[in-house]
């Protein structure tokens, strides 16, 4: 039972050693330990603040990125729409120009055809007139070999020409 009930002298020296240890630890160890704990706590708090600030900045950057992406998409759509309108306009202009040129070519061909037809009709008339004159000359040479029949023919032609 000696182990359970300590002796007074042992108890005294235990209290003295404990007090001395307490005094030494308080004087030399606890102050640096508490200061290092305080520094660590401050560092951890700064790191947490920095992490929160970084998280906030990341959220802001992400929102800005989303906004820029939306603007870029809108700009891309506008550019594509403008390009489509421009290509449609160019195609329509080319189609109109081709149609106009086609009409012009057709009109020119009609005019050329008309002038060719008039030229051919005039040439046919000249040939008919030449042939008619040749035939008439040959017929008249044979029939008007005497002077009296020539005078009668001239009188009848003059009378007919006055009527026309």
N, C-alpha and C. Protein backbone atom coordinates (compact mmCIF):
# COMPACT_ATOMS: atom_id res chain seq x y z
N UNK A 1 0.78 -1.15 0.00
CA UNK A 1 0.00 0.00 0.00
C UNK A 1 0.85 1.26 0.00
N UNK A 2 2.06 1.08 0.13
CA UNK A 2 2.96 2.22 0.08
C UNK A 2 2.90 2.91 -1.28
N UNK A 3 2.60 2.18 -2.22
CA UNK A 3 2.58 2.78 -3.54
C UNK A 3 1.38 3.68 -3.74
N UNK A 4 0.32 3.41 -3.01
CA UNK A 4 -0.88 4.21 -3.20
C UNK A 4 -0.88 5.46 -2.34
N UNK A 5 -0.25 5.46 -1.27
CA UNK A 5 -0.22 6.62 -0.39
C UNK A 5 1.21 7.14 -0.43
N UNK A 6 1.45 8.32 -1.03
CA UNK A 6 2.80 8.83 -1.11
C UNK A 6 3.26 9.42 0.22
N UNK A 7 4.52 9.43 0.37
CA UNK A 7 5.16 9.99 1.57
C UNK A 7 5.14 11.50 1.44
N UNK A 8 5.14 12.23 2.58
CA UNK A 8 5.08 13.69 2.60
C UNK A 8 6.33 14.26 1.96
N UNK A 9 7.47 13.74 2.20
CA UNK A 9 8.71 14.25 1.63
C UNK A 9 8.70 14.09 0.11
N UNK A 10 8.21 12.95 -0.33
CA UNK A 10 8.14 12.71 -1.77
C UNK A 10 7.15 13.69 -2.40
N UNK A 11 6.08 13.91 -1.71
CA UNK A 11 5.07 14.82 -2.22
C UNK A 11 5.64 16.24 -2.27
N UNK A 12 6.39 16.63 -1.25
CA UNK A 12 7.00 17.96 -1.22
C UNK A 12 7.95 18.12 -2.40
N UNK A 13 8.86 17.19 -2.60
CA UNK A 13 9.81 17.31 -3.69
C UNK A 13 9.11 17.24 -5.06
N UNK A 14 8.06 16.53 -5.16
CA UNK A 14 7.32 16.47 -6.43
C UNK A 14 6.69 17.83 -6.74
N UNK A 15 6.18 18.48 -5.71
CA UNK A 15 5.58 19.80 -5.89
C UNK A 15 6.67 20.81 -6.22
N UNK A 16 7.83 20.72 -5.57
CA UNK A 16 8.92 21.65 -5.85
C UNK A 16 9.41 21.44 -7.27
N UNK A 17 9.63 20.23 -7.68
CA UNK A 17 10.13 19.95 -9.03
C UNK A 17 9.07 20.38 -10.06
N UNK A 18 7.82 20.11 -9.74
CA UNK A 18 6.75 20.51 -10.67
C UNK A 18 6.70 22.03 -10.80
N UNK A 19 6.80 22.74 -9.68
CA UNK A 19 6.79 24.20 -9.70
C UNK A 19 7.99 24.75 -10.46
N UNK A 20 9.17 24.15 -10.20
CA UNK A 20 10.37 24.58 -10.90
C UNK A 20 10.23 24.32 -12.41
N UNK A 21 9.73 23.18 -12.77
CA UNK A 21 9.51 22.84 -14.18
C UNK A 21 8.49 23.78 -14.81
N UNK A 22 7.45 24.08 -14.03
CA UNK A 22 6.42 24.99 -14.51
C UNK A 22 7.01 26.38 -14.75
N UNK A 23 7.82 26.86 -13.82
CA UNK A 23 8.45 28.17 -13.92
C UNK A 23 9.40 28.22 -15.12
N UNK A 24 10.22 27.20 -15.32
CA UNK A 24 11.18 27.15 -16.44
C UNK A 24 10.42 27.09 -17.77
N UNK A 25 9.40 26.26 -17.82
CA UNK A 25 8.63 26.15 -19.08
C UNK A 25 7.92 27.47 -19.39
N UNK A 26 7.36 28.09 -18.36
CA UNK A 26 6.66 29.35 -18.59
C UNK A 26 7.63 30.43 -19.02
N UNK A 27 8.78 30.47 -18.44
CA UNK A 27 9.76 31.51 -18.72
C UNK A 27 10.40 31.31 -20.09
N UNK A 28 10.77 30.06 -20.45
CA UNK A 28 11.56 29.83 -21.65
C UNK A 28 10.83 29.10 -22.78
N UNK A 29 9.88 28.28 -22.48
CA UNK A 29 9.30 27.44 -23.54
C UNK A 29 7.92 27.91 -23.97
N UNK A 30 7.05 28.24 -23.05
CA UNK A 30 5.67 28.54 -23.44
C UNK A 30 5.56 29.82 -24.27
N UNK A 31 6.35 30.80 -23.95
CA UNK A 31 6.29 32.04 -24.71
C UNK A 31 6.67 31.79 -26.17
N UNK A 32 7.81 31.15 -26.48
CA UNK A 32 8.12 30.87 -27.88
C UNK A 32 7.09 29.94 -28.53
N UNK A 33 6.61 28.96 -27.74
CA UNK A 33 5.61 28.02 -28.31
C UNK A 33 4.33 28.77 -28.65
N UNK A 34 3.86 29.63 -27.72
CA UNK A 34 2.63 30.38 -28.00
C UNK A 34 2.82 31.38 -29.14
N UNK A 35 4.02 31.97 -29.19
CA UNK A 35 4.29 32.90 -30.29
C UNK A 35 4.31 32.15 -31.63
N UNK A 36 4.94 31.00 -31.67
CA UNK A 36 4.98 30.22 -32.92
C UNK A 36 3.58 29.74 -33.29
N UNK A 37 2.78 29.38 -32.25
CA UNK A 37 1.39 28.97 -32.54
C UNK A 37 0.59 30.17 -33.07
N UNK A 38 0.84 31.34 -32.47
CA UNK A 38 0.14 32.55 -32.94
C UNK A 38 0.54 32.87 -34.38
N UNK A 39 1.86 32.76 -34.68
CA UNK A 39 2.33 32.99 -36.04
C UNK A 39 1.70 32.00 -37.01
N UNK A 40 1.66 30.75 -36.59
CA UNK A 40 1.07 29.71 -37.45
C UNK A 40 -0.40 29.99 -37.67
N UNK A 41 -1.09 30.39 -36.60
CA UNK A 41 -2.50 30.72 -36.72
C UNK A 41 -2.70 31.90 -37.68
N UNK A 42 -1.83 32.91 -37.56
CA UNK A 42 -1.91 34.06 -38.47
C UNK A 42 -1.63 33.64 -39.91
N UNK A 43 -0.62 32.79 -40.09
CA UNK A 43 -0.30 32.30 -41.44
C UNK A 43 -1.46 31.51 -42.04
N UNK A 44 -2.06 30.68 -41.20
CA UNK A 44 -3.21 29.89 -41.68
C UNK A 44 -4.36 30.82 -42.03
N UNK A 45 -4.60 31.83 -41.19
CA UNK A 45 -5.68 32.79 -41.47
C UNK A 45 -5.41 33.56 -42.77
N UNK A 46 -4.13 33.97 -42.94
CA UNK A 46 -3.77 34.66 -44.18
C UNK A 46 -3.97 33.77 -45.39
N UNK A 47 -3.59 32.50 -45.24
CA UNK A 47 -3.77 31.55 -46.34
C UNK A 47 -5.25 31.36 -46.65
N UNK A 48 -6.09 31.29 -45.60
CA UNK A 48 -7.53 31.15 -45.81
C UNK A 48 -8.11 32.40 -46.48
N UNK A 49 -7.65 33.57 -46.01
CA UNK A 49 -8.11 34.81 -46.63
C UNK A 49 -7.69 34.88 -48.10
N UNK A 50 -6.42 34.48 -48.33
CA UNK A 50 -5.91 34.48 -49.71
C UNK A 50 -6.70 33.50 -50.57
N UNK A 51 -7.02 32.33 -50.01
CA UNK A 51 -7.80 31.33 -50.75
C UNK A 51 -9.20 31.88 -51.06
N UNK A 52 -9.82 32.56 -50.11
CA UNK A 52 -11.15 33.13 -50.33
C UNK A 52 -11.08 34.23 -51.38
N UNK A 53 -10.04 35.06 -51.29
CA UNK A 53 -9.86 36.13 -52.27
C UNK A 53 -9.63 35.53 -53.66
N UNK A 54 -8.80 34.50 -53.71
CA UNK A 54 -8.52 33.83 -54.98
C UNK A 54 -9.79 33.19 -55.53
N UNK A 55 -10.58 32.57 -54.66
CA UNK A 55 -11.83 31.95 -55.09
C UNK A 55 -12.78 33.01 -55.66
N UNK A 56 -12.82 34.17 -55.00
CA UNK A 56 -13.67 35.26 -55.47
C UNK A 56 -13.18 35.77 -56.83
N UNK A 57 -11.87 35.94 -56.94
CA UNK A 57 -11.31 36.40 -58.21
C UNK A 57 -11.55 35.38 -59.32
N UNK A 58 -11.42 34.09 -58.98
CA UNK A 58 -11.66 33.03 -59.97
C UNK A 58 -13.12 33.06 -60.43
N UNK A 59 -14.03 33.27 -59.49
CA UNK A 59 -15.45 33.35 -59.86
C UNK A 59 -15.69 34.56 -60.76
N UNK A 60 -15.05 35.68 -60.42
CA UNK A 60 -15.18 36.88 -61.24
C UNK A 60 -14.59 36.64 -62.63
N UNK A 61 -13.40 36.02 -62.67
CA UNK A 61 -12.77 35.73 -63.96
C UNK A 61 -13.61 34.77 -64.79
N UNK A 62 -14.20 33.81 -64.11
CA UNK A 62 -15.04 32.85 -64.83
C UNK A 62 -16.27 33.56 -65.40
N UNK A 63 -16.86 34.46 -64.60
CA UNK A 63 -18.00 35.23 -65.10
C UNK A 63 -17.58 36.10 -66.28
N UNK A 64 -16.41 36.74 -66.15
CA UNK A 64 -15.90 37.57 -67.25
C UNK A 64 -15.64 36.72 -68.49
N UNK A 65 -15.07 35.52 -68.28
CA UNK A 65 -14.82 34.62 -69.41
C UNK A 65 -16.13 34.22 -70.09
N UNK A 66 -17.15 33.93 -69.27
CA UNK A 66 -18.45 33.57 -69.84
C UNK A 66 -19.02 34.75 -70.64
N UNK A 67 -18.87 35.95 -70.08
CA UNK A 67 -19.35 37.15 -70.77
C UNK A 67 -18.61 37.35 -72.09
N UNK A 68 -17.27 37.22 -72.04
CA UNK A 68 -16.46 37.37 -73.26
C UNK A 68 -16.81 36.30 -74.29
N UNK A 69 -17.04 35.09 -73.81
CA UNK A 69 -17.41 34.01 -74.71
C UNK A 69 -18.75 34.30 -75.37
N UNK A 70 -19.71 34.80 -74.58
CA UNK A 70 -21.01 35.15 -75.14
C UNK A 70 -20.88 36.28 -76.16
N UNK A 71 -20.04 37.28 -75.85
CA UNK A 71 -19.82 38.38 -76.79
C UNK A 71 -19.14 37.88 -78.06
N UNK A 72 -18.18 36.98 -77.90
CA UNK A 72 -17.48 36.42 -79.07
C UNK A 72 -18.46 35.63 -79.94
N UNK A 73 -19.33 34.86 -79.29
CA UNK A 73 -20.33 34.11 -80.06
C UNK A 73 -21.27 35.05 -80.79
N UNK A 74 -21.70 36.10 -80.11
CA UNK A 74 -22.59 37.07 -80.74
C UNK A 74 -21.89 37.75 -81.91
N UNK A 75 -20.64 38.11 -81.72
CA UNK A 75 -19.88 38.75 -82.79
C UNK A 75 -19.68 37.78 -83.96
N UNK A 76 -19.39 36.51 -83.62
CA UNK A 76 -19.23 35.50 -84.68
C UNK A 76 -20.53 35.35 -85.47
N UNK A 77 -21.66 35.30 -84.75
CA UNK A 77 -22.96 35.17 -85.42
C UNK A 77 -23.23 36.38 -86.30
N UNK A 78 -22.88 37.57 -85.79
CA UNK A 78 -23.08 38.78 -86.58
C UNK A 78 -22.22 38.76 -87.84
N UNK A 79 -20.97 38.32 -87.70
CA UNK A 79 -20.07 38.25 -88.85
C UNK A 79 -20.59 37.23 -89.87
N UNK A 80 -21.03 36.07 -89.37
CA UNK A 80 -21.57 35.06 -90.28
C UNK A 80 -22.83 35.56 -90.97
N UNK A 81 -23.69 36.25 -90.21
CA UNK A 81 -24.91 36.78 -90.79
C UNK A 81 -24.56 37.83 -91.86
N UNK A 82 -23.60 38.68 -91.56
CA UNK A 82 -23.17 39.71 -92.51
C UNK A 82 -22.58 39.06 -93.76
N UNK A 83 -21.76 38.04 -93.56
CA UNK A 83 -21.15 37.34 -94.70
C UNK A 83 -22.23 36.68 -95.56
N UNK A 84 -23.23 36.10 -94.91
CA UNK A 84 -24.33 35.45 -95.64
C UNK A 84 -25.11 36.49 -96.43
N UNK A 85 -25.40 37.64 -95.80
CA UNK A 85 -26.13 38.70 -96.50
C UNK A 85 -25.30 39.22 -97.68
N UNK A 86 -24.00 39.39 -97.46
CA UNK A 86 -23.14 39.87 -98.52
C UNK A 86 -23.09 38.88 -99.69
N UNK A 87 -22.95 37.60 -99.36
CA UNK A 87 -22.91 36.59 -100.43
C UNK A 87 -24.24 36.52 -101.16
N UNK A 88 -25.36 36.62 -100.42
CA UNK A 88 -26.67 36.62 -101.08
C UNK A 88 -26.83 37.84 -101.99
N UNK A 89 -26.36 38.99 -101.50
CA UNK A 89 -26.45 40.21 -102.30
C UNK A 89 -25.59 40.09 -103.56
N UNK A 90 -24.37 39.56 -103.40
CA UNK A 90 -23.48 39.41 -104.56
C UNK A 90 -24.08 38.43 -105.56
N UNK A 91 -24.66 37.34 -105.05
CA UNK A 91 -25.29 36.36 -105.95
C UNK A 91 -26.47 36.99 -106.68
N UNK A 92 -27.30 37.76 -105.93
CA UNK A 92 -28.45 38.42 -106.56
C UNK A 92 -27.99 39.43 -107.61
N UNK A 93 -26.94 40.20 -107.28
CA UNK A 93 -26.41 41.17 -108.25
C UNK A 93 -25.88 40.45 -109.49
N UNK A 94 -25.16 39.36 -109.27
CA UNK A 94 -24.62 38.60 -110.41
C UNK A 94 -25.76 38.03 -111.25
N UNK A 95 -26.81 37.52 -110.58
CA UNK A 95 -27.95 36.97 -111.29
C UNK A 95 -28.64 38.07 -112.10
N UNK A 96 -28.84 39.24 -111.48
CA UNK A 96 -29.48 40.36 -112.18
C UNK A 96 -28.62 40.81 -113.35
N UNK A 97 -27.31 40.90 -113.11
CA UNK A 97 -26.41 41.33 -114.18
C UNK A 97 -26.43 40.32 -115.33
N UNK A 98 -26.40 39.03 -115.00
CA UNK A 98 -26.44 38.00 -116.04
C UNK A 98 -27.76 38.06 -116.80
N UNK A 99 -28.85 38.27 -116.07
CA UNK A 99 -30.15 38.38 -116.73
C UNK A 99 -30.19 39.59 -117.65
N UNK A 100 -29.67 40.71 -117.15
CA UNK A 100 -29.63 41.94 -117.95
C UNK A 100 -28.77 41.74 -119.19
N UNK A 101 -27.61 41.13 -119.01
CA UNK A 101 -26.73 40.87 -120.16
C UNK A 101 -27.40 39.90 -121.15
N UNK A 102 -28.11 38.90 -120.60
CA UNK A 102 -28.81 37.96 -121.47
C UNK A 102 -29.88 38.68 -122.29
N UNK A 103 -30.63 39.57 -121.62
CA UNK A 103 -31.66 40.33 -122.34
C UNK A 103 -31.01 41.21 -123.41
N UNK A 104 -29.88 41.82 -123.03
CA UNK A 104 -29.18 42.69 -123.97
C UNK A 104 -28.69 41.88 -125.18
N UNK A 105 -28.13 40.70 -124.92
CA UNK A 105 -27.64 39.85 -126.01
C UNK A 105 -28.79 39.40 -126.89
N UNK A 106 -29.93 39.04 -126.27
CA UNK A 106 -31.10 38.61 -127.05
C UNK A 106 -31.61 39.77 -127.90
N UNK A 107 -31.70 40.96 -127.30
CA UNK A 107 -32.17 42.13 -128.04
C UNK A 107 -31.23 42.45 -129.20
N UNK A 108 -29.92 42.36 -128.93
CA UNK A 108 -28.94 42.62 -129.98
C UNK A 108 -29.07 41.58 -131.10
N UNK A 109 -29.28 40.31 -130.69
CA UNK A 109 -29.45 39.26 -131.70
C UNK A 109 -30.71 39.50 -132.52
N UNK A 110 -31.79 39.95 -131.87
CA UNK A 110 -33.03 40.26 -132.60
C UNK A 110 -32.80 41.41 -133.59
N UNK A 111 -32.09 42.44 -133.12
CA UNK A 111 -31.81 43.57 -134.01
C UNK A 111 -30.96 43.13 -135.19
N UNK A 112 -29.95 42.31 -134.92
CA UNK A 112 -29.10 41.81 -136.01
C UNK A 112 -29.91 40.94 -136.96
N UNK A 113 -30.79 40.11 -136.39
CA UNK A 113 -31.64 39.25 -137.21
C UNK A 113 -32.56 40.10 -138.07
N UNK A 114 -33.14 41.15 -137.46
CA UNK A 114 -34.04 42.03 -138.19
C UNK A 114 -33.29 42.74 -139.32
N UNK A 115 -32.08 43.25 -138.99
CA UNK A 115 -31.32 43.95 -140.04
C UNK A 115 -30.88 42.97 -141.13
N UNK A 116 -30.52 41.75 -140.74
CA UNK A 116 -30.15 40.74 -141.73
C UNK A 116 -31.35 40.40 -142.62
N UNK A 117 -32.53 40.28 -141.99
CA UNK A 117 -33.74 39.95 -142.76
C UNK A 117 -34.06 41.09 -143.73
N UNK A 118 -33.94 42.34 -143.23
CA UNK A 118 -34.20 43.49 -144.11
C UNK A 118 -33.20 43.52 -145.26
N UNK A 119 -31.95 43.23 -144.91
CA UNK A 119 -30.93 43.21 -145.97
C UNK A 119 -31.23 42.11 -146.98
N UNK A 120 -31.65 40.95 -146.49
CA UNK A 120 -31.97 39.85 -147.41
C UNK A 120 -33.19 40.19 -148.26
N UNK A 121 -34.21 40.81 -147.63
CA UNK A 121 -35.41 41.19 -148.39
C UNK A 121 -35.03 42.21 -149.47
N UNK A 122 -34.18 43.18 -149.08
CA UNK A 122 -33.75 44.18 -150.05
C UNK A 122 -32.96 43.53 -151.18
N UNK A 123 -32.10 42.57 -150.83
CA UNK A 123 -31.31 41.89 -151.84
C UNK A 123 -32.22 41.07 -152.76
N UNK A 124 -33.21 40.38 -152.15
CA UNK A 124 -34.15 39.60 -152.96
C UNK A 124 -34.93 40.52 -153.90
N UNK A 125 -35.34 41.69 -153.34
CA UNK A 125 -36.08 42.65 -154.19
C UNK A 125 -35.21 43.11 -155.34
N UNK A 126 -33.94 43.41 -155.04
CA UNK A 126 -33.03 43.85 -156.12
C UNK A 126 -32.87 42.75 -157.18
N UNK A 127 -32.72 41.53 -156.68
CA UNK A 127 -32.56 40.42 -157.63
C UNK A 127 -33.84 40.22 -158.45
N UNK A 128 -35.00 40.34 -157.76
CA UNK A 128 -36.27 40.20 -158.48
C UNK A 128 -36.41 41.32 -159.51
N UNK A 129 -36.02 42.53 -159.07
CA UNK A 129 -36.10 43.67 -159.99
C UNK A 129 -35.15 43.44 -161.17
N UNK A 130 -33.93 43.02 -160.86
CA UNK A 130 -32.97 42.77 -161.94
C UNK A 130 -33.48 41.69 -162.89
N UNK A 131 -33.99 40.60 -162.29
CA UNK A 131 -34.53 39.52 -163.14
C UNK A 131 -35.73 40.02 -163.95
N UNK A 132 -36.57 40.78 -163.29
CA UNK A 132 -37.76 41.29 -163.99
C UNK A 132 -37.36 42.20 -165.13
N UNK A 133 -36.36 43.05 -164.85
CA UNK A 133 -35.90 43.96 -165.91
C UNK A 133 -35.26 43.17 -167.06
N UNK A 134 -34.49 42.16 -166.70
CA UNK A 134 -33.88 41.34 -167.75
C UNK A 134 -34.95 40.64 -168.58
N UNK A 135 -35.92 40.08 -167.87
CA UNK A 135 -37.01 39.38 -168.59
C UNK A 135 -37.79 40.39 -169.43
N UNK A 136 -38.11 41.53 -168.82
CA UNK A 136 -38.89 42.54 -169.55
C UNK A 136 -38.11 43.04 -170.76
N UNK A 137 -36.83 43.24 -170.59
CA UNK A 137 -36.01 43.70 -171.70
C UNK A 137 -36.01 42.69 -172.84
N UNK A 138 -35.88 41.43 -172.48
CA UNK A 138 -35.87 40.38 -173.51
C UNK A 138 -37.23 40.28 -174.20
N UNK A 139 -38.29 40.38 -173.36
CA UNK A 139 -39.64 40.31 -173.95
C UNK A 139 -39.88 41.51 -174.84
N UNK A 140 -39.49 42.68 -174.40
CA UNK A 140 -39.73 43.90 -175.17
C UNK A 140 -38.90 43.91 -176.46
N UNK A 141 -37.74 43.38 -176.44
CA UNK A 141 -36.93 43.34 -177.65
C UNK A 141 -37.60 42.50 -178.74
N UNK A 142 -38.19 41.41 -178.23
CA UNK A 142 -38.84 40.55 -179.22
C UNK A 142 -40.13 41.18 -179.70
N UNK A 143 -40.95 41.70 -178.84
CA UNK A 143 -42.27 42.19 -179.21
C UNK A 143 -42.24 43.59 -179.82
N UNK A 144 -41.30 44.37 -179.44
CA UNK A 144 -41.29 45.75 -179.92
C UNK A 144 -40.22 45.96 -181.00
N UNK A 145 -40.24 45.09 -181.89
CA UNK A 145 -39.26 45.26 -182.94
C UNK A 145 -39.69 46.37 -183.91
N UNK A 146 -40.95 46.66 -183.96
CA UNK A 146 -41.34 47.77 -184.83
C UNK A 146 -41.62 49.01 -184.02
N UNK A 147 -41.63 50.17 -184.66
CA UNK A 147 -41.70 51.46 -183.99
C UNK A 147 -43.09 51.74 -183.48
N UNK A 148 -44.09 51.34 -184.15
CA UNK A 148 -45.45 51.63 -183.77
C UNK A 148 -45.81 50.95 -182.46
N UNK A 149 -45.47 49.70 -182.29
CA UNK A 149 -45.79 49.00 -181.05
C UNK A 149 -45.02 49.61 -179.87
N UNK A 150 -43.82 50.17 -180.11
CA UNK A 150 -43.04 50.81 -179.05
C UNK A 150 -43.75 52.06 -178.56
N UNK A 151 -44.32 52.82 -179.52
CA UNK A 151 -45.02 54.04 -179.13
C UNK A 151 -46.27 53.73 -178.34
N UNK A 152 -46.99 52.71 -178.71
CA UNK A 152 -48.19 52.32 -178.00
C UNK A 152 -47.86 51.87 -176.57
N UNK A 153 -46.81 51.12 -176.43
CA UNK A 153 -46.39 50.67 -175.10
C UNK A 153 -46.00 51.85 -174.23
N UNK A 154 -45.26 52.81 -174.74
CA UNK A 154 -44.84 53.98 -173.97
C UNK A 154 -46.07 54.77 -173.55
N UNK A 155 -47.04 54.94 -174.44
CA UNK A 155 -48.25 55.68 -174.09
C UNK A 155 -49.02 54.98 -172.97
N UNK A 156 -49.15 53.68 -173.06
CA UNK A 156 -49.89 52.95 -172.03
C UNK A 156 -49.15 52.99 -170.68
N UNK A 157 -47.83 52.93 -170.68
CA UNK A 157 -47.05 53.01 -169.42
C UNK A 157 -47.16 54.38 -168.83
N UNK A 158 -47.12 55.40 -169.63
CA UNK A 158 -47.25 56.76 -169.13
C UNK A 158 -48.63 56.93 -168.52
N UNK A 159 -49.63 56.42 -169.12
CA UNK A 159 -51.01 56.54 -168.61
C UNK A 159 -51.10 55.79 -167.26
N UNK A 160 -50.53 54.66 -167.18
CA UNK A 160 -50.57 53.90 -165.93
C UNK A 160 -49.80 54.58 -164.82
N UNK A 161 -48.67 55.18 -165.14
CA UNK A 161 -47.87 55.84 -164.12
C UNK A 161 -48.56 57.07 -163.60
N UNK A 162 -49.34 57.75 -164.39
CA UNK A 162 -50.09 58.91 -163.93
C UNK A 162 -51.20 58.50 -162.98
N UNK A 163 -51.73 57.32 -163.19
CA UNK A 163 -52.79 56.83 -162.31
C UNK A 163 -52.23 56.48 -160.94
N UNK A 164 -51.02 55.98 -160.91
CA UNK A 164 -50.42 55.59 -159.63
C UNK A 164 -49.93 56.83 -158.99
